[in-house]
Amino acid sequence: MNITSPLTLTLGITTGILTISIALYLIFTRKYQSSESVANSYDEWTDDGILEYYWGEHIHLGYYDLPAKNKDFLTAKYDFVNEMVKWGNLDKLPKSTTVLDVGCGIGGSSRILAKNYGFSVTGVTISPQQVKRAKELTPAGMDAEFRVDDAMALSYPDASFDVVWCIEAGPHMPDKAIFAKELMRVLKPGGILVVADWNQRDDRKVPLNFLESLVMRQLLDQWAHPAFASIEEFAELLEATGLVEGKVETTDWTQETLPSWLDTIWQGIIKPQGWIRFGFRGFIKSVREVPTLLLMRYAFGTGLCRFGMFRGRRVK
């Protein structure tokens, strides 16, 4: 009698899941079409709750100490916000400092900025469902509000905020120059801009080869991204607004954030109860993201992509 070993069974299941995920990945893409297609994608993820279940309130990567140590996935995300505050010198600002959180998601970072630092935070996102969920998660009395707005045409007048804060929203913006100008426009004179973003290697210096071009195309088409800018290019676009005092300061946090990609996949393994909670459709929807997450890990691990940090001050 043939008895299938646990290892063989596990390998068979793993192979089957990967086969399904790759098939779904290749058949169904989420190409950028307009700001509406971005909003729809985030509305769907927010409605079903899958992204929040696995990624928590912070829909961004985590910060891992160097050399890398094991860290709880959600703790790493909280740490990212606090490290970004320190890097941006925002921890030296007084309470009631006004902050615009551009691309706020469901408000995780906004709530930390309000609770831990006493800032008065306004979070904006293109997704109505994210705004709804952000409001549900925000305790009464917390100085954080959320609105639907388009980062390509912010509804606020010039010089409205002491700080403009943005995490991983840039790849969704079709015109990076307009995006840069909007971020700087709503800053008060002397105000601080702090941005964290996914970036592509500067292909003006080292052009992408055939394989790299294929990888980048998939990263764009799978998550409604029109384009990635390089760190150097986006810094130049910010300076080109004529609103930056001196030079934009940049640094690379690729290594500090790199473990997040595989950690994301690991969440699905250590929290299998989510497969039951969200049913077969939720399982399929989650599995479908595995190839993109692996490609992201490959791109950031090989230098094709970089995690850029940007800090600038508006001219007085």
C-alpha atoms as a PDB file:
ATOM      1  CA  MET A   1       0.000   0.000   0.000  1.00  0.00           C
ATOM      2  CA  ASN A   2       1.374   3.391  -0.990  1.00  0.00           C
ATOM      3  CA  ILE A   3       1.297   6.000   1.782  1.00  0.00           C
ATOM      4  CA  THR A   4       1.928   9.586   0.797  1.00  0.00           C
ATOM      5  CA  SER A   5       4.466  11.185   3.119  1.00  0.00           C
ATOM      6  CA  PRO A   6       3.619  14.527   4.778  1.00  0.00           C
ATOM      7  CA  LEU A   7       6.524  16.144   2.892  1.00  0.00           C
ATOM      8  CA  THR A   8       5.245  14.897  -0.466  1.00  0.00           C
ATOM      9  CA  LEU A   9       1.741  16.066   0.366  1.00  0.00           C
ATOM     10  CA  THR A  10       3.013  19.501   1.440  1.00  0.00           C
ATOM     11  CA  LEU A  11       5.076  19.868  -1.729  1.00  0.00           C
ATOM     12  CA  GLY A  12       2.081  18.849  -3.797  1.00  0.00           C
ATOM     13  CA  ILE A  13      -0.176  21.402  -2.125  1.00  0.00           C
ATOM     14  CA  THR A  14       2.491  24.123  -2.447  1.00  0.00           C
ATOM     15  CA  THR A  15       2.985  23.343  -6.126  1.00  0.00           C
ATOM     16  CA  GLY A  16      -0.744  23.454  -6.699  1.00  0.00           C
ATOM     17  CA  ILE A  17      -1.114  26.811  -4.974  1.00  0.00           C
ATOM     18  CA  LEU A  18       1.768  28.299  -6.951  1.00  0.00           C
ATOM     19  CA  THR A  19       0.317  26.961 -10.195  1.00  0.00           C
ATOM     20  CA  ILE A  20      -3.060  28.528  -9.424  1.00  0.00           C
ATOM     21  CA  SER A  21      -1.503  31.850  -8.387  1.00  0.00           C
ATOM     22  CA  ILE A  22       0.645  32.093 -11.508  1.00  0.00           C
ATOM     23  CA  ALA A  23      -2.325  31.269 -13.749  1.00  0.00           C
ATOM     24  CA  LEU A  24      -4.489  33.914 -12.094  1.00  0.00           C
ATOM     25  CA  TYR A  25      -1.588  36.361 -12.155  1.00  0.00           C
ATOM     26  CA  LEU A  26      -1.125  35.966 -15.899  1.00  0.00           C
ATOM     27  CA  ILE A  27      -4.821  36.007 -16.777  1.00  0.00           C
ATOM     28  CA  PHE A  28      -6.032  38.882 -14.613  1.00  0.00           C
ATOM     29  CA  THR A  29      -4.050  42.104 -14.422  1.00  0.00           C
ATOM     30  CA  ARG A  30      -4.942  45.424 -12.842  1.00  0.00           C
ATOM     31  CA  LYS A  31      -3.380  47.878 -15.256  1.00  0.00           C
ATOM     32  CA  TYR A  32      -3.498  51.561 -14.489  1.00  0.00           C
ATOM     33  CA  GLN A  33      -6.233  53.238 -16.530  1.00  0.00           C
ATOM     34  CA  SER A  34      -7.071  56.339 -14.528  1.00  0.00           C
ATOM     35  CA  SER A  35      -7.341  57.571 -10.953  1.00  0.00           C
ATOM     36  CA  GLU A  36     -10.696  55.795 -10.924  1.00  0.00           C
ATOM     37  CA  SER A  37      -9.061  52.410 -11.555  1.00  0.00           C
ATOM     38  CA  VAL A  38      -6.737  53.021  -8.586  1.00  0.00           C
ATOM     39  CA  ALA A  39      -9.679  54.023  -6.387  1.00  0.00           C
ATOM     40  CA  ASN A  40     -11.651  50.952  -7.442  1.00  0.00           C
ATOM     41  CA  SER A  41      -8.756  48.620  -6.620  1.00  0.00           C
ATOM     42  CA  TYR A  42      -8.381  50.045  -3.112  1.00  0.00           C
ATOM     43  CA  ASP A  43     -12.149  50.126  -2.597  1.00  0.00           C
ATOM     44  CA  GLU A  44     -12.284  46.394  -3.307  1.00  0.00           C
ATOM     45  CA  TRP A  45      -9.410  45.548  -0.971  1.00  0.00           C
ATOM     46  CA  THR A  46     -10.949  47.671   1.782  1.00  0.00           C
ATOM     47  CA  ASP A  47     -14.446  46.234   1.351  1.00  0.00           C
ATOM     48  CA  ASP A  48     -13.382  42.609   1.697  1.00  0.00           C
ATOM     49  CA  GLY A  49     -10.953  43.303   4.569  1.00  0.00           C
ATOM     50  CA  ILE A  50      -8.239  40.952   3.336  1.00  0.00           C
ATOM     51  CA  LEU A  51      -5.498  43.564   3.116  1.00  0.00           C
ATOM     52  CA  GLU A  52      -6.281  44.906   6.588  1.00  0.00           C
ATOM     53  CA  TYR A  53      -6.383  41.400   8.051  1.00  0.00           C
ATOM     54  CA  TYR A  54      -2.900  40.504   6.837  1.00  0.00           C
ATOM     55  CA  TRP A  55      -1.228  43.946   6.682  1.00  0.00           C
ATOM     56  CA  GLY A  56      -2.946  45.609   9.622  1.00  0.00           C
ATOM     57  CA  GLU A  57      -3.841  49.311   9.672  1.00  0.00           C
ATOM     58  CA  HIS A  58      -0.584  50.277   7.934  1.00  0.00           C
ATOM     59  CA  ILE A  59      -0.715  49.535   4.224  1.00  0.00           C
ATOM     60  CA  HIS A  60       3.003  50.050   3.731  1.00  0.00           C
ATOM     61  CA  LEU A  61       6.272  48.204   4.300  1.00  0.00           C
ATOM     62  CA  GLY A  62       7.898  47.725   7.681  1.00  0.00           C
ATOM     63  CA  TYR A  63      11.213  48.940   9.056  1.00  0.00           C
ATOM     64  CA  TYR A  64      13.728  46.273  10.082  1.00  0.00           C
ATOM     65  CA  ASP A  65      16.908  47.083  11.973  1.00  0.00           C
ATOM     66  CA  LEU A  66      20.288  46.494  10.339  1.00  0.00           C
ATOM     67  CA  PRO A  67      21.672  43.923  10.454  1.00  0.00           C
ATOM     68  CA  ALA A  68      18.248  42.427   9.891  1.00  0.00           C
ATOM     69  CA  LYS A  69      16.642  40.734  12.887  1.00  0.00           C
ATOM     70  CA  ASN A  70      13.419  38.850  13.185  1.00  0.00           C
ATOM     71  CA  LYS A  71      10.633  41.282  13.939  1.00  0.00           C
ATOM     72  CA  ASP A  72       6.879  41.014  14.151  1.00  0.00           C
ATOM     73  CA  PHE A  73       5.386  42.109  10.832  1.00  0.00           C
ATOM     74  CA  LEU A  74       2.958  44.628  12.310  1.00  0.00           C
ATOM     75  CA  THR A  75       5.537  45.949  14.783  1.00  0.00           C
ATOM     76  CA  ALA A  76       7.854  46.646  11.841  1.00  0.00           C
ATOM     77  CA  LYS A  77       5.141  48.808  10.288  1.00  0.00           C
ATOM     78  CA  TYR A  78       4.695  50.862  13.472  1.00  0.00           C
ATOM     79  CA  ASP A  79       8.473  51.188  13.664  1.00  0.00           C
ATOM     80  CA  PHE A  80       8.564  52.469  10.083  1.00  0.00           C
ATOM     81  CA  VAL A  81       6.334  55.420  10.972  1.00  0.00           C
ATOM     82  CA  ASN A  82       8.417  56.342  14.011  1.00  0.00           C
ATOM     83  CA  GLU A  83      11.695  56.004  12.088  1.00  0.00           C
ATOM     84  CA  MET A  84      10.304  58.177   9.296  1.00  0.00           C
ATOM     85  CA  VAL A  85       9.284  60.810  11.862  1.00  0.00           C
ATOM     86  CA  LYS A  86      12.833  60.839  13.257  1.00  0.00           C
ATOM     87  CA  TRP A  87      14.473  60.881   9.834  1.00  0.00           C
ATOM     88  CA  GLY A  88      12.299  63.799   8.795  1.00  0.00           C
ATOM     89  CA  ASN A  89      13.129  65.699  12.011  1.00  0.00           C
ATOM     90  CA  LEU A  90       9.417  65.873  12.746  1.00  0.00           C
ATOM     91  CA  ASP A  91       9.891  64.745  16.342  1.00  0.00           C
ATOM     92  CA  LYS A  92      11.288  68.198  17.048  1.00  0.00           C
ATOM     93  CA  LEU A  93       8.073  69.937  15.974  1.00  0.00           C
ATOM     94  CA  PRO A  94       5.500  71.218  18.481  1.00  0.00           C
ATOM     95  CA  LYS A  95       2.156  69.609  19.179  1.00  0.00           C
ATOM     96  CA  SER A  96      -0.729  70.774  16.992  1.00  0.00           C
ATOM     97  CA  THR A  97       1.610  70.895  13.975  1.00  0.00           C
ATOM     98  CA  THR A  98      -0.673  70.473  10.955  1.00  0.00           C
ATOM     99  CA  VAL A  99       0.101  67.452   8.775  1.00  0.00           C
ATOM    100  CA  LEU A 100      -1.345  66.356   5.438  1.00  0.00           C
ATOM    101  CA  ASP A 101      -0.981  62.581   4.986  1.00  0.00           C
ATOM    102  CA  VAL A 102      -1.202  62.075   1.211  1.00  0.00           C
ATOM    103  CA  GLY A 103      -2.320  58.573   0.274  1.00  0.00           C
ATOM    104  CA  CYS A 104      -3.301  57.801   3.866  1.00  0.00           C
ATOM    105  CA  GLY A 105      -4.902  54.398   3.239  1.00  0.00           C
ATOM    106  CA  ILE A 106      -7.079  53.437   6.196  1.00  0.00           C
ATOM    107  CA  GLY A 107      -5.278  55.927   8.403  1.00  0.00           C
ATOM    108  CA  GLY A 108      -2.760  53.829  10.325  1.00  0.00           C
ATOM    109  CA  SER A 109       0.112  56.298  10.018  1.00  0.00           C
ATOM    110  CA  SER A 110      -2.160  59.299  10.533  1.00  0.00           C
ATOM    111  CA  ARG A 111      -3.324  57.916  13.864  1.00  0.00           C
ATOM    112  CA  ILE A 112       0.257  57.369  15.072  1.00  0.00           C
ATOM    113  CA  LEU A 113       1.169  60.923  14.094  1.00  0.00           C
ATOM    114  CA  ALA A 114      -1.843  62.248  16.010  1.00  0.00           C
ATOM    115  CA  LYS A 115      -1.579  59.986  19.062  1.00  0.00           C
ATOM    116  CA  ASN A 116       2.200  59.754  19.601  1.00  0.00           C
ATOM    117  CA  TYR A 117       3.240  63.221  18.484  1.00  0.00           C
ATOM    118  CA  GLY A 118       0.165  65.348  19.088  1.00  0.00           C
ATOM    119  CA  PHE A 119      -0.047  66.485  15.473  1.00  0.00           C
ATOM    120  CA  SER A 120      -3.256  67.677  13.834  1.00  0.00           C
ATOM    121  CA  VAL A 121      -3.535  65.292  10.907  1.00  0.00           C
ATOM    122  CA  THR A 122      -5.607  65.318   7.742  1.00  0.00           C
ATOM    123  CA  GLY A 123      -5.430  62.133   5.711  1.00  0.00           C
ATOM    124  CA  VAL A 124      -6.450  62.040   2.058  1.00  0.00           C
ATOM    125  CA  THR A 125      -6.924  59.110  -0.306  1.00  0.00           C
ATOM    126  CA  ILE A 126      -8.582  58.588  -3.666  1.00  0.00           C
ATOM    127  CA  SER A 127     -10.584  55.664  -2.231  1.00  0.00           C
ATOM    128  CA  PRO A 128     -13.976  56.443  -0.602  1.00  0.00           C
ATOM    129  CA  GLN A 129     -13.987  53.062   1.133  1.00  0.00           C
ATOM    130  CA  GLN A 130     -10.589  53.738   2.686  1.00  0.00           C
ATOM    131  CA  VAL A 131     -11.879  57.041   4.059  1.00  0.00           C
ATOM    132  CA  LYS A 132     -14.920  55.263   5.490  1.00  0.00           C
ATOM    133  CA  ARG A 133     -12.774  52.598   7.152  1.00  0.00           C
ATOM    134  CA  ALA A 134     -10.239  55.160   8.431  1.00  0.00           C
ATOM    135  CA  LYS A 135     -13.040  57.033  10.164  1.00  0.00           C
ATOM    136  CA  GLU A 136     -14.342  53.796  11.717  1.00  0.00           C
ATOM    137  CA  LEU A 137     -10.885  52.986  13.131  1.00  0.00           C
ATOM    138  CA  THR A 138     -10.204  56.463  14.518  1.00  0.00           C
ATOM    139  CA  PRO A 139     -11.209  56.966  18.181  1.00  0.00           C
ATOM    140  CA  ALA A 140     -13.430  59.881  19.057  1.00  0.00           C
ATOM    141  CA  GLY A 141     -11.449  62.904  20.109  1.00  0.00           C
ATOM    142  CA  MET A 142      -8.331  62.009  18.149  1.00  0.00           C
ATOM    143  CA  ASP A 143      -7.072  64.946  16.066  1.00  0.00           C
ATOM    144  CA  ALA A 144      -7.182  63.095  12.753  1.00  0.00           C
ATOM    145  CA  GLU A 145      -9.687  63.519   9.947  1.00  0.00           C
ATOM    146  CA  PHE A 146      -9.986  61.810   6.588  1.00  0.00           C
ATOM    147  CA  ARG A 147     -11.233  62.959   3.210  1.00  0.00           C
ATOM    148  CA  VAL A 148     -11.455  61.760  -0.368  1.00  0.00           C
ATOM    149  CA  ASP A 149      -9.048  63.776  -2.488  1.00  0.00           C
ATOM    150  CA  ASP A 150      -6.825  63.398  -5.542  1.00  0.00           C
ATOM    151  CA  ALA A 151      -3.093  63.864  -4.954  1.00  0.00           C
ATOM    152  CA  MET A 152      -2.763  65.085  -8.538  1.00  0.00           C
ATOM    153  CA  ALA A 153      -5.117  67.991  -7.795  1.00  0.00           C
ATOM    154  CA  LEU A 154      -5.345  68.536  -4.058  1.00  0.00           C
ATOM    155  CA  SER A 155      -8.372  70.566  -2.998  1.00  0.00           C
ATOM    156  CA  TYR A 156      -6.444  72.590  -0.409  1.00  0.00           C
ATOM    157  CA  PRO A 157      -5.201  76.132  -1.064  1.00  0.00           C
ATOM    158  CA  ASP A 158      -1.528  77.029  -1.245  1.00  0.00           C
ATOM    159  CA  ALA A 159       0.430  77.026   2.028  1.00  0.00           C
ATOM    160  CA  SER A 160      -2.120  75.035   4.052  1.00  0.00           C
ATOM    161  CA  PHE A 161       0.036  72.643   6.128  1.00  0.00           C
ATOM    162  CA  ASP A 162       3.168  72.658   8.279  1.00  0.00           C
ATOM    163  CA  VAL A 163       4.107  69.154   7.081  1.00  0.00           C
ATOM    164  CA  VAL A 164       3.251  67.070   4.038  1.00  0.00           C
ATOM    165  CA  TRP A 165       3.766  63.341   4.635  1.00  0.00           C
ATOM    166  CA  CYS A 166       3.452  60.611   2.008  1.00  0.00           C
ATOM    167  CA  ILE A 167       4.199  56.874   2.049  1.00  0.00           C
ATOM    168  CA  GLU A 168       4.301  54.712  -1.105  1.00  0.00           C
ATOM    169  CA  ALA A 169       1.749  56.684  -3.122  1.00  0.00           C
ATOM    170  CA  GLY A 170       4.028  57.916  -5.914  1.00  0.00           C
ATOM    171  CA  PRO A 171       3.853  54.847  -8.216  1.00  0.00           C
ATOM    172  CA  HIS A 172       0.101  55.469  -8.663  1.00  0.00           C
ATOM    173  CA  MET A 173       0.688  59.013  -9.973  1.00  0.00           C
ATOM    174  CA  PRO A 174       0.680  59.300 -13.784  1.00  0.00           C
ATOM    175  CA  ASP A 175       2.572  62.614 -13.882  1.00  0.00           C
ATOM    176  CA  LYS A 176       5.308  62.786 -11.263  1.00  0.00           C
ATOM    177  CA  ALA A 177       6.017  66.468 -11.971  1.00  0.00           C
ATOM    178  CA  ILE A 178       2.422  67.452 -11.178  1.00  0.00           C
ATOM    179  CA  PHE A 179       2.494  65.222  -8.104  1.00  0.00           C
ATOM    180  CA  ALA A 180       5.709  66.881  -6.884  1.00  0.00           C
ATOM    181  CA  LYS A 181       4.273  70.342  -7.436  1.00  0.00           C
ATOM    182  CA  GLU A 182       1.084  69.522  -5.516  1.00  0.00           C
ATOM    183  CA  LEU A 183       3.036  68.182  -2.541  1.00  0.00           C
ATOM    184  CA  MET A 184       5.099  71.360  -2.338  1.00  0.00           C
ATOM    185  CA  ARG A 185       2.237  73.732  -3.164  1.00  0.00           C
ATOM    186  CA  VAL A 186       0.172  72.937  -0.076  1.00  0.00           C
ATOM    187  CA  LEU A 187       3.156  73.329   2.266  1.00  0.00           C
ATOM    188  CA  LYS A 188       3.452  76.526   4.278  1.00  0.00           C
ATOM    189  CA  PRO A 189       6.644  78.561   3.809  1.00  0.00           C
ATOM    190  CA  GLY A 190       9.297  76.820   5.904  1.00  0.00           C
ATOM    191  CA  GLY A 191       7.164  73.664   6.037  1.00  0.00           C
ATOM    192  CA  ILE A 192       8.650  70.171   5.763  1.00  0.00           C
ATOM    193  CA  LEU A 193       7.997  67.517   3.128  1.00  0.00           C
ATOM    194  CA  VAL A 194       8.761  63.898   4.015  1.00  0.00           C
ATOM    195  CA  VAL A 195       8.123  61.180   1.419  1.00  0.00           C
ATOM    196  CA  ALA A 196       8.815  57.440   1.375  1.00  0.00           C
ATOM    197  CA  ASP A 197       8.390  55.685  -1.931  1.00  0.00           C
ATOM    198  CA  TRP A 198       9.038  52.752  -4.196  1.00  0.00           C
ATOM    199  CA  ASN A 199      11.482  53.760  -6.897  1.00  0.00           C
ATOM    200  CA  GLN A 200      13.077  52.289  -9.972  1.00  0.00           C
ATOM    201  CA  ARG A 201      16.813  52.327 -10.605  1.00  0.00           C
ATOM    202  CA  ASP A 202      17.836  55.435 -12.550  1.00  0.00           C
ATOM    203  CA  ASP A 203      17.708  54.021 -16.078  1.00  0.00           C
ATOM    204  CA  ARG A 204      19.209  57.203 -17.478  1.00  0.00           C
ATOM    205  CA  LYS A 205      22.503  55.964 -16.063  1.00  0.00           C
ATOM    206  CA  VAL A 206      22.030  52.197 -16.331  1.00  0.00           C
ATOM    207  CA  PRO A 207      19.311  51.244 -18.858  1.00  0.00           C
ATOM    208  CA  LEU A 208      17.075  48.306 -18.050  1.00  0.00           C
ATOM    209  CA  ASN A 209      17.890  45.062 -19.811  1.00  0.00           C
ATOM    210  CA  PHE A 210      15.238  42.841 -21.389  1.00  0.00           C
ATOM    211  CA  LEU A 211      14.514  40.822 -18.222  1.00  0.00           C
ATOM    212  CA  GLU A 212      14.370  43.926 -16.054  1.00  0.00           C
ATOM    213  CA  SER A 213      11.949  45.573 -18.464  1.00  0.00           C
ATOM    214  CA  LEU A 214       9.671  42.532 -18.269  1.00  0.00           C
ATOM    215  CA  VAL A 215       9.759  42.558 -14.469  1.00  0.00           C
ATOM    216  CA  MET A 216       8.989  46.266 -14.282  1.00  0.00           C
ATOM    217  CA  ARG A 217       6.101  45.882 -16.707  1.00  0.00           C
ATOM    218  CA  GLN A 218       4.563  43.218 -14.469  1.00  0.00           C
ATOM    219  CA  LEU A 219       5.013  45.344 -11.348  1.00  0.00           C
ATOM    220  CA  LEU A 220       3.232  48.193 -13.086  1.00  0.00           C
ATOM    221  CA  ASP A 221       0.412  46.159 -14.579  1.00  0.00           C
ATOM    222  CA  GLN A 222      -0.406  44.078 -11.510  1.00  0.00           C
ATOM    223  CA  TRP A 223      -0.957  46.878  -8.988  1.00  0.00           C
ATOM    224  CA  ALA A 224      -2.372  49.770 -11.042  1.00  0.00           C
ATOM    225  CA  HIS A 225       0.913  51.677 -11.343  1.00  0.00           C
ATOM    226  CA  PRO A 226       1.514  53.931 -14.351  1.00  0.00           C
ATOM    227  CA  ALA A 227       5.251  54.294 -13.634  1.00  0.00           C
ATOM    228  CA  PHE A 228       7.984  54.307 -10.998  1.00  0.00           C
ATOM    229  CA  ALA A 229      10.356  57.266 -10.813  1.00  0.00           C
ATOM    230  CA  SER A 230      13.979  56.896  -9.742  1.00  0.00           C
ATOM    231  CA  ILE A 231      15.118  58.494  -6.494  1.00  0.00           C
ATOM    232  CA  GLU A 232      17.257  60.910  -8.473  1.00  0.00           C
ATOM    233  CA  GLU A 233      14.486  61.816 -10.887  1.00  0.00           C
ATOM    234  CA  PHE A 234      11.854  62.530  -8.248  1.00  0.00           C
ATOM    235  CA  ALA A 235      14.270  64.656  -6.227  1.00  0.00           C
ATOM    236  CA  GLU A 236      14.944  66.664  -9.383  1.00  0.00           C
ATOM    237  CA  LEU A 237      11.204  67.100  -9.991  1.00  0.00           C
ATOM    238  CA  LEU A 238      10.685  68.394  -6.459  1.00  0.00           C
ATOM    239  CA  GLU A 239      13.526  70.886  -6.883  1.00  0.00           C
ATOM    240  CA  ALA A 240      12.180  71.904 -10.291  1.00  0.00           C
ATOM    241  CA  THR A 241       9.014  73.228  -8.633  1.00  0.00           C
ATOM    242  CA  GLY A 242      11.104  76.171  -7.453  1.00  0.00           C
ATOM    243  CA  LEU A 243       9.530  75.782  -4.001  1.00  0.00           C
ATOM    244  CA  VAL A 244      12.314  73.810  -2.306  1.00  0.00           C
ATOM    245  CA  GLU A 245      14.846  75.522  -0.084  1.00  0.00           C
ATOM    246  CA  GLY A 246      18.258  74.297  -1.235  1.00  0.00           C
ATOM    247  CA  LYS A 247      18.444  70.620  -2.209  1.00  0.00           C
ATOM    248  CA  VAL A 248      16.089  67.736  -1.514  1.00  0.00           C
ATOM    249  CA  GLU A 249      17.758  65.281   0.852  1.00  0.00           C
ATOM    250  CA  THR A 250      17.434  61.602  -0.055  1.00  0.00           C
ATOM    251  CA  THR A 251      18.493  58.262   1.302  1.00  0.00           C
ATOM    252  CA  ASP A 252      17.882  54.609   0.461  1.00  0.00           C
ATOM    253  CA  TRP A 253      15.958  52.384   2.867  1.00  0.00           C
ATOM    254  CA  THR A 254      15.867  49.311   0.615  1.00  0.00           C
ATOM    255  CA  GLN A 255      17.689  47.057   3.073  1.00  0.00           C
ATOM    256  CA  GLU A 256      15.679  48.341   6.027  1.00  0.00           C
ATOM    257  CA  THR A 257      12.386  47.441   4.311  1.00  0.00           C
ATOM    258  CA  LEU A 258      13.408  44.399   2.227  1.00  0.00           C
ATOM    259  CA  PRO A 259      12.184  41.666   4.635  1.00  0.00           C
ATOM    260  CA  SER A 260       8.625  42.995   4.291  1.00  0.00           C
ATOM    261  CA  TRP A 261       8.038  41.278   0.953  1.00  0.00           C
ATOM    262  CA  LEU A 262       8.575  37.712   2.136  1.00  0.00           C
ATOM    263  CA  ASP A 263       7.042  38.558   5.512  1.00  0.00           C
ATOM    264  CA  THR A 264       3.853  39.450   3.646  1.00  0.00           C
ATOM    265  CA  ILE A 265       3.668  35.974   2.122  1.00  0.00           C
ATOM    266  CA  TRP A 266       4.538  34.432   5.485  1.00  0.00           C
ATOM    267  CA  GLN A 267       1.459  36.073   7.041  1.00  0.00           C
ATOM    268  CA  GLY A 268      -0.746  33.947   4.821  1.00  0.00           C
ATOM    269  CA  ILE A 269       1.025  30.806   6.030  1.00  0.00           C
ATOM    270  CA  ILE A 270       0.956  31.522   9.762  1.00  0.00           C
ATOM    271  CA  LYS A 271      -2.605  32.875   9.690  1.00  0.00           C
ATOM    272  CA  PRO A 272      -4.460  30.134   7.752  1.00  0.00           C
ATOM    273  CA  GLN A 273      -7.635  31.033   9.628  1.00  0.00           C
ATOM    274  CA  GLY A 274      -7.927  33.856   7.114  1.00  0.00           C
ATOM    275  CA  TRP A 275      -8.567  31.248   4.420  1.00  0.00           C
ATOM    276  CA  ILE A 276     -11.728  30.259   6.277  1.00  0.00           C
ATOM    277  CA  ARG A 277     -12.709  33.790   7.224  1.00  0.00           C
ATOM    278  CA  PHE A 278     -12.639  35.111   3.666  1.00  0.00           C
ATOM    279  CA  GLY A 279     -13.765  31.938   1.940  1.00  0.00           C
ATOM    280  CA  PHE A 280     -12.634  30.467  -1.345  1.00  0.00           C
ATOM    281  CA  ARG A 281     -12.805  33.796  -3.185  1.00  0.00           C
ATOM    282  CA  GLY A 282     -10.636  35.452  -0.573  1.00  0.00           C
ATOM    283  CA  PHE A 283      -8.146  32.597  -0.700  1.00  0.00           C
ATOM    284  CA  ILE A 284      -7.871  32.853  -4.472  1.00  0.00           C
ATOM    285  CA  LYS A 285      -7.567  36.633  -4.322  1.00  0.00           C
ATOM    286  CA  SER A 286      -4.746  36.391  -1.783  1.00  0.00           C
ATOM    287  CA  VAL A 287      -2.877  33.630  -3.577  1.00  0.00           C
ATOM    288  CA  ARG A 288      -3.040  35.647  -6.769  1.00  0.00           C
ATOM    289  CA  GLU A 289      -0.717  38.257  -5.200  1.00  0.00           C
ATOM    290  CA  VAL A 290       2.136  35.838  -4.464  1.00  0.00           C
ATOM    291  CA  PRO A 291       3.933  36.201  -7.836  1.00  0.00           C
ATOM    292  CA  THR A 292       3.838  40.003  -7.577  1.00  0.00           C
ATOM    293  CA  LEU A 293       5.226  39.909  -4.044  1.00  0.00           C
ATOM    294  CA  LEU A 294       8.019  37.584  -5.169  1.00  0.00           C
ATOM    295  CA  LEU A 295       8.796  39.873  -8.114  1.00  0.00           C
ATOM    296  CA  MET A 296       8.882  42.848  -5.745  1.00  0.00           C
ATOM    297  CA  ARG A 297      11.360  40.986  -3.536  1.00  0.00           C
ATOM    298  CA  TYR A 298      13.446  40.173  -6.592  1.00  0.00           C
ATOM    299  CA  ALA A 299      13.361  43.749  -7.903  1.00  0.00           C
ATOM    300  CA  PHE A 300      14.286  45.374  -4.585  1.00  0.00           C
ATOM    301  CA  GLY A 301      16.798  42.651  -3.776  1.00  0.00           C
ATOM    302  CA  THR A 302      18.712  43.028  -7.037  1.00  0.00           C
ATOM    303  CA  GLY A 303      18.778  46.827  -7.203  1.00  0.00           C
ATOM    304  CA  LEU A 304      16.235  47.123 -10.003  1.00  0.00           C
ATOM    305  CA  CYS A 305      14.010  48.917  -7.496  1.00  0.00           C
ATOM    306  CA  ARG A 306      14.986  51.025  -4.487  1.00  0.00           C
ATOM    307  CA  PHE A 307      13.108  52.342  -1.485  1.00  0.00           C
ATOM    308  CA  GLY A 308      13.630  56.094  -1.538  1.00  0.00           C
ATOM    309  CA  MET A 309      13.289  58.600   1.282  1.00  0.00           C
ATOM    310  CA  PHE A 310      12.875  62.303   0.471  1.00  0.00           C
ATOM    311  CA  ARG A 311      13.066  65.323   2.763  1.00  0.00           C
ATOM    312  CA  GLY A 312      12.720  68.959   1.769  1.00  0.00           C
ATOM    313  CA  ARG A 313      11.710  72.327   3.146  1.00  0.00           C
ATOM    314  CA  ARG A 314       9.587  74.910   1.365  1.00  0.00           C
ATOM    315  CA  VAL A 315      11.229  78.241   0.761  1.00  0.00           C
ATOM    316  CA  LYS A 316      10.188  80.962   3.202  1.00  0.00           C
END
